[in-house]
Amino acid sequence: MPKKLSKNIAKARALVEPRPYTLTDAVPLLQKAKYAKFDETVDLTMRLGVDPKHADQMVRGTVVLPHGLGKSKTVAVIASGDNLAAAKAAGAEHVGGEEMVERIQKENWTDFDALIATPDMMRSVGRLGKVLGPKGLMPNPKTGTVTTNVADAIREIKAGKVEFRTDKTALVHVPVGKLSFDSQKLVDNAMTVITSVMKAKPSAAKGKYVKGITLSSTMGPGIELDSAVTEAAGKA
């Protein structure tokens, strides 16, 4: 027997018609459907026409959201020498060298939202794959988290830099802000993500690249976006 929906969920879903919406219509509708007592995160989900099993079809990248995420990320830095002082000065909450590597390895400590490492420390950080990999915290040169310029990397993350990558089912999930944001700021953040994913299209991808886009909040309904949003992003 199907699980009965709560009155709040049923009421929220009833507001959404079974049709694609423009992004500028979807954001206010999602805000109107709010019933949770906390400030929900707004997520963008893109279904891509790629096969993630093939490395040359993996979609991955980073983007700095123009209006941030509504919360400051906790940043950890594994470095040595002058980079330790630079990381502290730039506002990293956790800064260390080999001792931090050991702590993560022995205690499974991951009390941070992003981890930056300098290239000279990657030999040690490489041992942390089993702990950091499943949480998406492993530093990577492609996402700017393996760098000698730790100060800039910290500032970008604090400013609202988010990573996107296809999962095993070819979906990309990216947070684009809080439901309490001004609706135009959520529209701007969402368009920035969509444009970045469009630009990251692998040359090996064949056929239709974006098969669907949904906007949702933590507790709210999913709202399908129309194809015009990808056309606009492709021209940006």
C-alpha atoms as a PDB file:
ATOM      1  CA  MET A   1       0.000   0.000   0.000  1.00  0.00           C
ATOM      2  CA  PRO A   2       1.504   3.369  -1.008  1.00  0.00           C
ATOM      3  CA  LYS A   3       2.625   5.628   1.818  1.00  0.00           C
ATOM      4  CA  LYS A   4       0.100   8.382   2.503  1.00  0.00           C
ATOM      5  CA  LEU A   5       1.431  11.888   1.881  1.00  0.00           C
ATOM      6  CA  SER A   6       1.305  14.391   4.714  1.00  0.00           C
ATOM      7  CA  LYS A   7      -1.072  17.322   4.250  1.00  0.00           C
ATOM      8  CA  ASN A   8       1.891  19.702   3.882  1.00  0.00           C
ATOM      9  CA  ILE A   9       3.570  17.635   1.145  1.00  0.00           C
ATOM     10  CA  ALA A  10       0.292  17.085  -0.689  1.00  0.00           C
ATOM     11  CA  LYS A  11      -0.501  20.813  -0.529  1.00  0.00           C
ATOM     12  CA  ALA A  12       2.978  21.754  -1.808  1.00  0.00           C
ATOM     13  CA  ARG A  13       2.851  19.279  -4.683  1.00  0.00           C
ATOM     14  CA  ALA A  14      -0.643  20.434  -5.658  1.00  0.00           C
ATOM     15  CA  LEU A  15       0.793  23.884  -6.415  1.00  0.00           C
ATOM     16  CA  VAL A  16       3.025  22.467  -9.148  1.00  0.00           C
ATOM     17  CA  GLU A  17       1.367  21.670 -12.457  1.00  0.00           C
ATOM     18  CA  PRO A  18       2.685  18.643 -14.416  1.00  0.00           C
ATOM     19  CA  ARG A  19       4.445  20.770 -17.041  1.00  0.00           C
ATOM     20  CA  PRO A  20       7.837  22.435 -17.586  1.00  0.00           C
ATOM     21  CA  TYR A  21       8.299  25.894 -16.061  1.00  0.00           C
ATOM     22  CA  THR A  22      10.626  28.747 -16.914  1.00  0.00           C
ATOM     23  CA  LEU A  23      13.344  29.308 -14.319  1.00  0.00           C
ATOM     24  CA  THR A  24      11.884  32.725 -13.409  1.00  0.00           C
ATOM     25  CA  ASP A  25       8.501  31.094 -12.709  1.00  0.00           C
ATOM     26  CA  ALA A  26       9.891  28.001 -10.974  1.00  0.00           C
ATOM     27  CA  VAL A  27      11.852  29.850  -8.249  1.00  0.00           C
ATOM     28  CA  PRO A  28       8.907  31.888  -6.814  1.00  0.00           C
ATOM     29  CA  LEU A  29       6.697  28.786  -7.043  1.00  0.00           C
ATOM     30  CA  LEU A  30       9.219  26.765  -5.035  1.00  0.00           C
ATOM     31  CA  GLN A  31       9.314  29.544  -2.433  1.00  0.00           C
ATOM     32  CA  LYS A  32       5.509  29.618  -2.311  1.00  0.00           C
ATOM     33  CA  ALA A  33       5.376  25.844  -1.739  1.00  0.00           C
ATOM     34  CA  LYS A  34       7.587  26.100   1.375  1.00  0.00           C
ATOM     35  CA  TYR A  35       6.204  24.493   4.524  1.00  0.00           C
ATOM     36  CA  ALA A  36       9.327  23.398   6.443  1.00  0.00           C
ATOM     37  CA  LYS A  37      10.279  25.457   9.499  1.00  0.00           C
ATOM     38  CA  PHE A  38      13.974  25.751   8.515  1.00  0.00           C
ATOM     39  CA  ASP A  39      15.695  27.577   5.667  1.00  0.00           C
ATOM     40  CA  GLU A  40      15.883  24.875   3.008  1.00  0.00           C
ATOM     41  CA  THR A  41      18.654  24.472   0.451  1.00  0.00           C
ATOM     42  CA  VAL A  42      17.623  24.846  -3.190  1.00  0.00           C
ATOM     43  CA  ASP A  43      19.088  22.176  -5.482  1.00  0.00           C
ATOM     44  CA  LEU A  44      19.431  21.978  -9.239  1.00  0.00           C
ATOM     45  CA  THR A  45      19.481  18.500 -10.789  1.00  0.00           C
ATOM     46  CA  MET A  46      20.472  17.991 -14.429  1.00  0.00           C
ATOM     47  CA  ARG A  47      19.990  14.681 -16.251  1.00  0.00           C
ATOM     48  CA  LEU A  48      22.678  14.406 -18.920  1.00  0.00           C
ATOM     49  CA  GLY A  49      22.943  12.324 -22.069  1.00  0.00           C
ATOM     50  CA  VAL A  50      26.390  10.959 -21.234  1.00  0.00           C
ATOM     51  CA  ASP A  51      27.740   7.582 -20.139  1.00  0.00           C
ATOM     52  CA  PRO A  52      29.739   8.158 -16.913  1.00  0.00           C
ATOM     53  CA  LYS A  53      31.321   4.706 -17.270  1.00  0.00           C
ATOM     54  CA  HIS A  54      33.538   6.235 -19.950  1.00  0.00           C
ATOM     55  CA  ALA A  55      36.173   8.654 -18.620  1.00  0.00           C
ATOM     56  CA  ASP A  56      35.925  10.838 -21.732  1.00  0.00           C
ATOM     57  CA  GLN A  57      32.211  11.430 -21.031  1.00  0.00           C
ATOM     58  CA  MET A  58      32.599  12.407 -17.376  1.00  0.00           C
ATOM     59  CA  VAL A  59      31.287  15.927 -16.738  1.00  0.00           C
ATOM     60  CA  ARG A  60      33.107  17.700 -13.932  1.00  0.00           C
ATOM     61  CA  GLY A  61      34.018  21.229 -12.969  1.00  0.00           C
ATOM     62  CA  THR A  62      33.629  24.071 -10.517  1.00  0.00           C
ATOM     63  CA  VAL A  63      31.786  27.351 -10.581  1.00  0.00           C
ATOM     64  CA  VAL A  64      31.631  30.354  -8.253  1.00  0.00           C
ATOM     65  CA  LEU A  65      28.001  31.268  -7.583  1.00  0.00           C
ATOM     66  CA  PRO A  66      27.478  35.036  -7.953  1.00  0.00           C
ATOM     67  CA  HIS A  67      25.419  35.214  -4.747  1.00  0.00           C
ATOM     68  CA  GLY A  68      27.073  32.433  -2.749  1.00  0.00           C
ATOM     69  CA  LEU A  69      25.316  29.612  -0.909  1.00  0.00           C
ATOM     70  CA  GLY A  70      24.063  31.478   2.122  1.00  0.00           C
ATOM     71  CA  LYS A  71      26.556  29.860   4.457  1.00  0.00           C
ATOM     72  CA  SER A  72      30.306  30.004   4.830  1.00  0.00           C
ATOM     73  CA  LYS A  73      32.081  26.736   4.118  1.00  0.00           C
ATOM     74  CA  THR A  74      34.538  25.266   6.602  1.00  0.00           C
ATOM     75  CA  VAL A  75      37.875  24.886   4.808  1.00  0.00           C
ATOM     76  CA  ALA A  76      40.800  22.627   5.749  1.00  0.00           C
ATOM     77  CA  VAL A  77      44.253  23.017   4.215  1.00  0.00           C
ATOM     78  CA  ILE A  78      47.105  20.492   4.149  1.00  0.00           C
ATOM     79  CA  ALA A  79      50.305  22.308   3.279  1.00  0.00           C
ATOM     80  CA  SER A  80      53.865  23.005   4.352  1.00  0.00           C
ATOM     81  CA  GLY A  81      56.189  25.978   4.841  1.00  0.00           C
ATOM     82  CA  ASP A  82      54.932  29.469   4.000  1.00  0.00           C
ATOM     83  CA  ASN A  83      51.622  28.067   2.708  1.00  0.00           C
ATOM     84  CA  LEU A  84      50.595  27.223   6.277  1.00  0.00           C
ATOM     85  CA  ALA A  85      50.716  30.889   7.282  1.00  0.00           C
ATOM     86  CA  ALA A  86      49.063  31.949   4.000  1.00  0.00           C
ATOM     87  CA  ALA A  87      46.179  29.523   4.615  1.00  0.00           C
ATOM     88  CA  LYS A  88      45.607  30.841   8.139  1.00  0.00           C
ATOM     89  CA  ALA A  89      45.706  34.449   6.926  1.00  0.00           C
ATOM     90  CA  ALA A  90      43.150  33.673   4.183  1.00  0.00           C
ATOM     91  CA  GLY A  91      40.661  32.320   6.720  1.00  0.00           C
ATOM     92  CA  ALA A  92      40.996  28.517   6.610  1.00  0.00           C
ATOM     93  CA  GLU A  93      39.501  26.970   9.754  1.00  0.00           C
ATOM     94  CA  HIS A  94      41.871  23.967   9.855  1.00  0.00           C
ATOM     95  CA  VAL A  95      45.501  24.179   8.745  1.00  0.00           C
ATOM     96  CA  GLY A  96      48.206  21.536   9.087  1.00  0.00           C
ATOM     97  CA  GLY A  97      50.653  19.148   7.469  1.00  0.00           C
ATOM     98  CA  GLU A  98      51.449  15.488   8.100  1.00  0.00           C
ATOM     99  CA  GLU A  99      49.687  15.601  11.469  1.00  0.00           C
ATOM    100  CA  MET A 100      46.396  16.466   9.736  1.00  0.00           C
ATOM    101  CA  VAL A 101      46.885  13.618   7.260  1.00  0.00           C
ATOM    102  CA  GLU A 102      47.341  11.239  10.208  1.00  0.00           C
ATOM    103  CA  ARG A 103      44.276  12.592  11.994  1.00  0.00           C
ATOM    104  CA  ILE A 104      42.078  12.071   8.920  1.00  0.00           C
ATOM    105  CA  GLN A 105      43.515   8.595   8.370  1.00  0.00           C
ATOM    106  CA  LYS A 106      43.345   7.357  11.972  1.00  0.00           C
ATOM    107  CA  GLU A 107      40.196   9.104  13.185  1.00  0.00           C
ATOM    108  CA  ASN A 108      38.234   9.316   9.895  1.00  0.00           C
ATOM    109  CA  TRP A 109      38.045  13.023  10.691  1.00  0.00           C
ATOM    110  CA  THR A 110      36.191  15.022   8.038  1.00  0.00           C
ATOM    111  CA  ASP A 111      34.777  17.968   9.972  1.00  0.00           C
ATOM    112  CA  PHE A 112      35.108  20.352   7.015  1.00  0.00           C
ATOM    113  CA  ASP A 113      33.289  21.184   3.773  1.00  0.00           C
ATOM    114  CA  ALA A 114      36.330  21.485   1.494  1.00  0.00           C
ATOM    115  CA  LEU A 115      39.941  20.312   1.611  1.00  0.00           C
ATOM    116  CA  ILE A 116      42.786  22.073  -0.179  1.00  0.00           C
ATOM    117  CA  ALA A 117      46.265  20.566  -0.513  1.00  0.00           C
ATOM    118  CA  THR A 118      49.531  21.830  -1.963  1.00  0.00           C
ATOM    119  CA  PRO A 119      51.159  19.626  -4.661  1.00  0.00           C
ATOM    120  CA  ASP A 120      54.097  18.708  -2.392  1.00  0.00           C
ATOM    121  CA  MET A 121      51.660  17.158   0.126  1.00  0.00           C
ATOM    122  CA  MET A 122      49.713  15.041  -2.357  1.00  0.00           C
ATOM    123  CA  ARG A 123      51.971  12.007  -1.853  1.00  0.00           C
ATOM    124  CA  SER A 124      50.698  11.867   1.753  1.00  0.00           C
ATOM    125  CA  VAL A 125      47.145  13.012   0.958  1.00  0.00           C
ATOM    126  CA  GLY A 126      46.906  10.241  -1.645  1.00  0.00           C
ATOM    127  CA  ARG A 127      46.651   7.738   1.217  1.00  0.00           C
ATOM    128  CA  LEU A 128      43.346   9.279   2.281  1.00  0.00           C
ATOM    129  CA  GLY A 129      41.307   8.177  -0.739  1.00  0.00           C
ATOM    130  CA  LYS A 130      39.188   5.679   1.233  1.00  0.00           C
ATOM    131  CA  VAL A 131      38.183   8.336   3.764  1.00  0.00           C
ATOM    132  CA  LEU A 132      37.860  11.385   1.517  1.00  0.00           C
ATOM    133  CA  GLY A 133      36.732   9.806  -1.773  1.00  0.00           C
ATOM    134  CA  PRO A 134      33.218   8.670  -0.741  1.00  0.00           C
ATOM    135  CA  LYS A 135      32.529  12.129   0.737  1.00  0.00           C
ATOM    136  CA  GLY A 136      33.734  13.979  -2.370  1.00  0.00           C
ATOM    137  CA  LEU A 137      36.458  15.720  -0.364  1.00  0.00           C
ATOM    138  CA  MET A 138      39.583  14.446  -2.146  1.00  0.00           C
ATOM    139  CA  PRO A 139      41.675  17.389  -3.421  1.00  0.00           C
ATOM    140  CA  ASN A 140      41.896  17.492  -7.213  1.00  0.00           C
ATOM    141  CA  PRO A 141      43.834  19.805  -9.573  1.00  0.00           C
ATOM    142  CA  LYS A 142      40.801  19.943 -11.915  1.00  0.00           C
ATOM    143  CA  THR A 143      38.686  21.560  -9.221  1.00  0.00           C
ATOM    144  CA  GLY A 144      41.415  23.913  -8.020  1.00  0.00           C
ATOM    145  CA  THR A 145      41.834  22.182  -4.658  1.00  0.00           C
ATOM    146  CA  VAL A 146      45.414  21.064  -5.396  1.00  0.00           C
ATOM    147  CA  THR A 147      47.302  24.338  -5.731  1.00  0.00           C
ATOM    148  CA  THR A 148      50.264  26.392  -4.565  1.00  0.00           C
ATOM    149  CA  ASN A 149      48.009  29.453  -4.365  1.00  0.00           C
ATOM    150  CA  VAL A 150      46.078  28.389  -1.277  1.00  0.00           C
ATOM    151  CA  ALA A 151      44.877  31.911  -0.433  1.00  0.00           C
ATOM    152  CA  ASP A 152      42.974  32.338  -3.725  1.00  0.00           C
ATOM    153  CA  ALA A 153      41.543  28.810  -3.464  1.00  0.00           C
ATOM    154  CA  ILE A 154      40.252  29.510   0.058  1.00  0.00           C
ATOM    155  CA  ARG A 155      38.702  32.838  -0.978  1.00  0.00           C
ATOM    156  CA  GLU A 156      36.899  31.222  -3.947  1.00  0.00           C
ATOM    157  CA  ILE A 157      35.422  28.474  -1.772  1.00  0.00           C
ATOM    158  CA  LYS A 158      34.347  30.991   0.868  1.00  0.00           C
ATOM    159  CA  ALA A 159      32.748  33.140  -1.862  1.00  0.00           C
ATOM    160  CA  GLY A 160      30.470  30.297  -2.993  1.00  0.00           C
ATOM    161  CA  LYS A 161      32.511  28.013  -5.228  1.00  0.00           C
ATOM    162  CA  VAL A 162      30.714  24.710  -5.843  1.00  0.00           C
ATOM    163  CA  GLU A 163      31.802  21.551  -7.607  1.00  0.00           C
ATOM    164  CA  PHE A 164      29.653  19.614 -10.055  1.00  0.00           C
ATOM    165  CA  ARG A 165      30.183  16.121 -11.416  1.00  0.00           C
ATOM    166  CA  THR A 166      28.072  13.384 -12.952  1.00  0.00           C
ATOM    167  CA  ASP A 167      27.141  10.494 -10.692  1.00  0.00           C
ATOM    168  CA  LYS A 168      26.769   6.863 -11.807  1.00  0.00           C
ATOM    169  CA  THR A 169      23.308   7.587 -13.248  1.00  0.00           C
ATOM    170  CA  ALA A 170      24.483  10.628 -15.283  1.00  0.00           C
ATOM    171  CA  LEU A 171      22.848  13.110 -12.894  1.00  0.00           C
ATOM    172  CA  VAL A 172      24.479  16.325 -11.700  1.00  0.00           C
ATOM    173  CA  HIS A 173      23.235  17.674  -8.334  1.00  0.00           C
ATOM    174  CA  VAL A 174      24.307  21.198  -7.339  1.00  0.00           C
ATOM    175  CA  PRO A 175      23.097  23.442  -4.482  1.00  0.00           C
ATOM    176  CA  VAL A 176      22.270  26.962  -5.710  1.00  0.00           C
ATOM    177  CA  GLY A 177      21.369  28.785  -2.491  1.00  0.00           C
ATOM    178  CA  LYS A 178      18.766  29.005   0.262  1.00  0.00           C
ATOM    179  CA  LEU A 179      15.000  29.265  -0.149  1.00  0.00           C
ATOM    180  CA  SER A 180      15.089  32.577   1.753  1.00  0.00           C
ATOM    181  CA  PHE A 181      17.226  34.183  -0.985  1.00  0.00           C
ATOM    182  CA  ASP A 182      15.731  36.883  -3.169  1.00  0.00           C
ATOM    183  CA  SER A 183      14.225  34.995  -6.119  1.00  0.00           C
ATOM    184  CA  GLN A 184      16.428  36.783  -8.677  1.00  0.00           C
ATOM    185  CA  LYS A 185      19.565  35.702  -6.796  1.00  0.00           C
ATOM    186  CA  LEU A 186      18.447  32.058  -6.997  1.00  0.00           C
ATOM    187  CA  VAL A 187      17.736  32.514 -10.720  1.00  0.00           C
ATOM    188  CA  ASP A 188      21.217  34.009 -11.236  1.00  0.00           C
ATOM    189  CA  ASN A 189      22.935  31.204  -9.297  1.00  0.00           C
ATOM    190  CA  ALA A 190      20.979  28.495 -11.136  1.00  0.00           C
ATOM    191  CA  MET A 191      21.731  30.012 -14.560  1.00  0.00           C
ATOM    192  CA  THR A 192      25.435  30.223 -13.652  1.00  0.00           C
ATOM    193  CA  VAL A 193      25.466  26.485 -12.860  1.00  0.00           C
ATOM    194  CA  ILE A 194      23.494  25.525 -15.983  1.00  0.00           C
ATOM    195  CA  THR A 195      25.812  27.610 -18.187  1.00  0.00           C
ATOM    196  CA  SER A 196      28.905  26.008 -16.631  1.00  0.00           C
ATOM    197  CA  VAL A 197      27.562  22.473 -17.111  1.00  0.00           C
ATOM    198  CA  MET A 198      26.672  23.305 -20.722  1.00  0.00           C
ATOM    199  CA  LYS A 199      30.219  24.560 -21.353  1.00  0.00           C
ATOM    200  CA  ALA A 200      31.642  21.385 -19.782  1.00  0.00           C
ATOM    201  CA  LYS A 201      30.010  19.162 -22.430  1.00  0.00           C
ATOM    202  CA  PRO A 202      32.523  16.431 -23.372  1.00  0.00           C
ATOM    203  CA  SER A 203      33.390  16.187 -27.058  1.00  0.00           C
ATOM    204  CA  ALA A 204      32.717  12.429 -26.811  1.00  0.00           C
ATOM    205  CA  ALA A 205      29.077  13.002 -25.789  1.00  0.00           C
ATOM    206  CA  LYS A 206      26.654  12.202 -28.610  1.00  0.00           C
ATOM    207  CA  GLY A 207      22.972  13.009 -29.021  1.00  0.00           C
ATOM    208  CA  LYS A 208      21.007  15.273 -26.702  1.00  0.00           C
ATOM    209  CA  TYR A 209      23.288  16.553 -23.938  1.00  0.00           C
ATOM    210  CA  VAL A 210      20.735  17.829 -21.394  1.00  0.00           C
ATOM    211  CA  LYS A 211      17.747  15.503 -21.069  1.00  0.00           C
ATOM    212  CA  GLY A 212      16.048  17.248 -18.175  1.00  0.00           C
ATOM    213  CA  ILE A 213      16.476  19.817 -15.390  1.00  0.00           C
ATOM    214  CA  THR A 214      14.658  19.894 -12.065  1.00  0.00           C
ATOM    215  CA  LEU A 215      14.661  22.563  -9.365  1.00  0.00           C
ATOM    216  CA  SER A 216      13.791  21.449  -5.839  1.00  0.00           C
ATOM    217  CA  SER A 217      14.269  22.316  -2.173  1.00  0.00           C
ATOM    218  CA  THR A 218      15.179  20.047   0.748  1.00  0.00           C
ATOM    219  CA  MET A 219      11.552  19.297   1.646  1.00  0.00           C
ATOM    220  CA  GLY A 220       9.724  20.829  -1.290  1.00  0.00           C
ATOM    221  CA  PRO A 221       8.460  19.440  -4.603  1.00  0.00           C
ATOM    222  CA  GLY A 222      10.569  19.041  -7.731  1.00  0.00           C
ATOM    223  CA  ILE A 223       9.784  21.502 -10.526  1.00  0.00           C
ATOM    224  CA  GLU A 224      10.685  20.592 -14.105  1.00  0.00           C
ATOM    225  CA  LEU A 225      12.342  23.369 -16.098  1.00  0.00           C
ATOM    226  CA  ASP A 226      11.666  23.899 -19.796  1.00  0.00           C
ATOM    227  CA  SER A 227      14.317  23.522 -22.503  1.00  0.00           C
ATOM    228  CA  ALA A 228      14.511  27.301 -23.070  1.00  0.00           C
ATOM    229  CA  VAL A 229      16.775  27.548 -20.038  1.00  0.00           C
ATOM    230  CA  THR A 230      19.474  25.433 -21.698  1.00  0.00           C
ATOM    231  CA  GLU A 231      19.122  27.374 -24.946  1.00  0.00           C
ATOM    232  CA  ALA A 232      19.659  30.636 -23.037  1.00  0.00           C
ATOM    233  CA  ALA A 233      22.614  29.120 -21.166  1.00  0.00           C
ATOM    234  CA  GLY A 234      24.146  27.919 -24.424  1.00  0.00           C
ATOM    235  CA  LYS A 235      24.171  31.499 -25.737  1.00  0.00           C
ATOM    236  CA  ALA A 236      25.680  32.923 -22.538  1.00  0.00           C
END
